[in-house]
Amino acid sequence: MQLTAPARSTTIDVKHTGRRDADGMAVASFILGLVGLLVLNVFLGPIAIALAGVALWRGTARRGRAFLGLGLGIADLLVLVAFMQLDSTVSWSF
């Protein structure tokens, strides 16, 4: 008599879940980088860069989206620096 369920091989499930998580990180990086161009770029830019880096490190299937998120995160910080130079402040406003 067996009281527990038989052990299954979960390596395939874990690998599939890890890739799906990496794909989600790539998409989130792209969206945060895009939104960060308009608002809160001091916060959203570094988050987009970090998510893109982790997604690429985990081997996402959406490499293009991760690279776009990485580029947009860097662009967020460049926009912030440009407006800081123009306004001579830490933040920018219109």
C-alpha atoms as a PDB file:
ATOM      1  CA  MET A   1       0.000   0.000   0.000  1.00  0.00           C
ATOM      2  CA  GLN A   2       1.377   3.381  -1.028  1.00  0.00           C
ATOM      3  CA  LEU A   3       0.361   6.491   0.927  1.00  0.00           C
ATOM      4  CA  THR A   4       1.890   9.103  -1.339  1.00  0.00           C
ATOM      5  CA  ALA A   5       1.580   9.812  -5.015  1.00  0.00           C
ATOM      6  CA  PRO A   6       4.275   8.293  -7.206  1.00  0.00           C
ATOM      7  CA  ALA A   7       7.221  10.570  -7.894  1.00  0.00           C
ATOM      8  CA  ARG A   8       7.132  12.253 -11.278  1.00  0.00           C
ATOM      9  CA  SER A   9       9.956  13.734 -13.226  1.00  0.00           C
ATOM     10  CA  THR A  10       9.569  17.489 -12.766  1.00  0.00           C
ATOM     11  CA  THR A  11      12.691  18.614 -14.607  1.00  0.00           C
ATOM     12  CA  ILE A  12      10.705  19.218 -17.788  1.00  0.00           C
ATOM     13  CA  ASP A  13       8.050  21.193 -15.891  1.00  0.00           C
ATOM     14  CA  VAL A  14      10.653  23.310 -14.109  1.00  0.00           C
ATOM     15  CA  LYS A  15      12.535  24.060 -17.322  1.00  0.00           C
ATOM     16  CA  HIS A  16       9.291  25.050 -19.094  1.00  0.00           C
ATOM     17  CA  THR A  17       8.220  27.253 -16.178  1.00  0.00           C
ATOM     18  CA  GLY A  18      11.627  28.940 -16.047  1.00  0.00           C
ATOM     19  CA  ARG A  19      11.453  29.784 -19.735  1.00  0.00           C
ATOM     20  CA  ARG A  20       7.912  31.091 -19.380  1.00  0.00           C
ATOM     21  CA  ASP A  21       9.045  33.288 -16.480  1.00  0.00           C
ATOM     22  CA  ALA A  22      11.942  34.589 -18.569  1.00  0.00           C
ATOM     23  CA  ASP A  23       9.560  35.371 -21.430  1.00  0.00           C
ATOM     24  CA  GLY A  24       7.347  37.301 -19.015  1.00  0.00           C
ATOM     25  CA  MET A  25      10.364  39.228 -17.753  1.00  0.00           C
ATOM     26  CA  ALA A  26      11.299  40.161 -21.325  1.00  0.00           C
ATOM     27  CA  VAL A  27       7.798  41.497 -22.000  1.00  0.00           C
ATOM     28  CA  ALA A  28       7.697  43.331 -18.663  1.00  0.00           C
ATOM     29  CA  SER A  29      11.082  44.883 -19.414  1.00  0.00           C
ATOM     30  CA  PHE A  30       9.820  46.168 -22.756  1.00  0.00           C
ATOM     31  CA  ILE A  31       6.628  47.618 -21.270  1.00  0.00           C
ATOM     32  CA  LEU A  32       8.381  49.251 -18.313  1.00  0.00           C
ATOM     33  CA  GLY A  33      11.026  50.721 -20.595  1.00  0.00           C
ATOM     34  CA  LEU A  34       8.362  52.127 -22.897  1.00  0.00           C
ATOM     35  CA  VAL A  35       6.312  53.631 -20.083  1.00  0.00           C
ATOM     36  CA  GLY A  36       9.502  54.906 -18.452  1.00  0.00           C
ATOM     37  CA  LEU A  37      10.135  57.216 -21.383  1.00  0.00           C
ATOM     38  CA  LEU A  38       7.109  59.229 -20.265  1.00  0.00           C
ATOM     39  CA  VAL A  39       6.910  58.929 -16.473  1.00  0.00           C
ATOM     40  CA  LEU A  40       9.053  57.775 -13.542  1.00  0.00           C
ATOM     41  CA  ASN A  41      12.090  57.054 -15.680  1.00  0.00           C
ATOM     42  CA  VAL A  42      14.388  57.213 -12.661  1.00  0.00           C
ATOM     43  CA  PHE A  43      12.652  54.073 -11.307  1.00  0.00           C
ATOM     44  CA  LEU A  44      11.385  52.278 -14.401  1.00  0.00           C
ATOM     45  CA  GLY A  45      14.627  52.553 -16.395  1.00  0.00           C
ATOM     46  CA  PRO A  46      16.802  50.526 -13.997  1.00  0.00           C
ATOM     47  CA  ILE A  47      14.005  48.015 -13.428  1.00  0.00           C
ATOM     48  CA  ALA A  48      13.670  47.500 -17.194  1.00  0.00           C
ATOM     49  CA  ILE A  49      17.428  47.026 -17.514  1.00  0.00           C
ATOM     50  CA  ALA A  50      17.510  44.497 -14.668  1.00  0.00           C
ATOM     51  CA  LEU A  51      14.544  42.510 -15.995  1.00  0.00           C
ATOM     52  CA  ALA A  52      16.018  42.399 -19.497  1.00  0.00           C
ATOM     53  CA  GLY A  53      19.356  41.203 -18.141  1.00  0.00           C
ATOM     54  CA  VAL A  54      17.757  38.433 -16.095  1.00  0.00           C
ATOM     55  CA  ALA A  55      15.546  37.371 -19.005  1.00  0.00           C
ATOM     56  CA  LEU A  56      18.538  37.152 -21.335  1.00  0.00           C
ATOM     57  CA  TRP A  57      20.556  35.289 -18.712  1.00  0.00           C
ATOM     58  CA  ARG A  58      17.763  32.742 -18.261  1.00  0.00           C
ATOM     59  CA  GLY A  59      17.548  32.168 -22.005  1.00  0.00           C
ATOM     60  CA  THR A  60      14.256  33.704 -23.022  1.00  0.00           C
ATOM     61  CA  ALA A  61      12.660  32.831 -26.333  1.00  0.00           C
ATOM     62  CA  ARG A  62      11.791  36.521 -26.768  1.00  0.00           C
ATOM     63  CA  ARG A  63      15.325  37.821 -27.082  1.00  0.00           C
ATOM     64  CA  GLY A  64      14.292  40.720 -29.326  1.00  0.00           C
ATOM     65  CA  ARG A  65      11.788  41.962 -26.781  1.00  0.00           C
ATOM     66  CA  ALA A  66      14.407  41.680 -24.027  1.00  0.00           C
ATOM     67  CA  PHE A  67      16.925  43.661 -26.086  1.00  0.00           C
ATOM     68  CA  LEU A  68      14.272  46.312 -26.779  1.00  0.00           C
ATOM     69  CA  GLY A  69      13.556  46.506 -23.046  1.00  0.00           C
ATOM     70  CA  LEU A  70      17.270  46.863 -22.364  1.00  0.00           C
ATOM     71  CA  GLY A  71      17.599  49.639 -24.946  1.00  0.00           C
ATOM     72  CA  LEU A  72      14.512  51.448 -23.698  1.00  0.00           C
ATOM     73  CA  GLY A  73      15.738  51.217 -20.108  1.00  0.00           C
ATOM     74  CA  ILE A  74      19.016  52.816 -21.126  1.00  0.00           C
ATOM     75  CA  ALA A  75      17.097  55.432 -23.127  1.00  0.00           C
ATOM     76  CA  ASP A  76      15.014  56.188 -20.012  1.00  0.00           C
ATOM     77  CA  LEU A  77      18.149  57.045 -18.086  1.00  0.00           C
ATOM     78  CA  LEU A  78      19.562  59.087 -20.965  1.00  0.00           C
ATOM     79  CA  VAL A  79      16.331  61.100 -21.192  1.00  0.00           C
ATOM     80  CA  LEU A  80      16.499  61.685 -17.440  1.00  0.00           C
ATOM     81  CA  VAL A  81      20.099  62.889 -17.665  1.00  0.00           C
ATOM     82  CA  ALA A  82      19.284  65.173 -20.605  1.00  0.00           C
ATOM     83  CA  PHE A  83      16.369  66.808 -18.788  1.00  0.00           C
ATOM     84  CA  MET A  84      18.424  67.105 -15.612  1.00  0.00           C
ATOM     85  CA  GLN A  85      21.078  68.993 -17.554  1.00  0.00           C
ATOM     86  CA  LEU A  86      18.514  71.313 -19.102  1.00  0.00           C
ATOM     87  CA  ASP A  87      16.624  72.058 -15.874  1.00  0.00           C
ATOM     88  CA  SER A  88      19.545  71.748 -13.442  1.00  0.00           C
ATOM     89  CA  THR A  89      17.315  69.679 -11.173  1.00  0.00           C
ATOM     90  CA  VAL A  90      17.063  66.047 -10.118  1.00  0.00           C
ATOM     91  CA  SER A  91      13.662  65.644 -11.809  1.00  0.00           C
ATOM     92  CA  TRP A  92      12.068  67.113 -14.865  1.00  0.00           C
ATOM     93  CA  SER A  93       8.692  68.674 -15.528  1.00  0.00           C
ATOM     94  CA  PHE A  94       7.004  70.566 -18.343  1.00  0.00           C
END
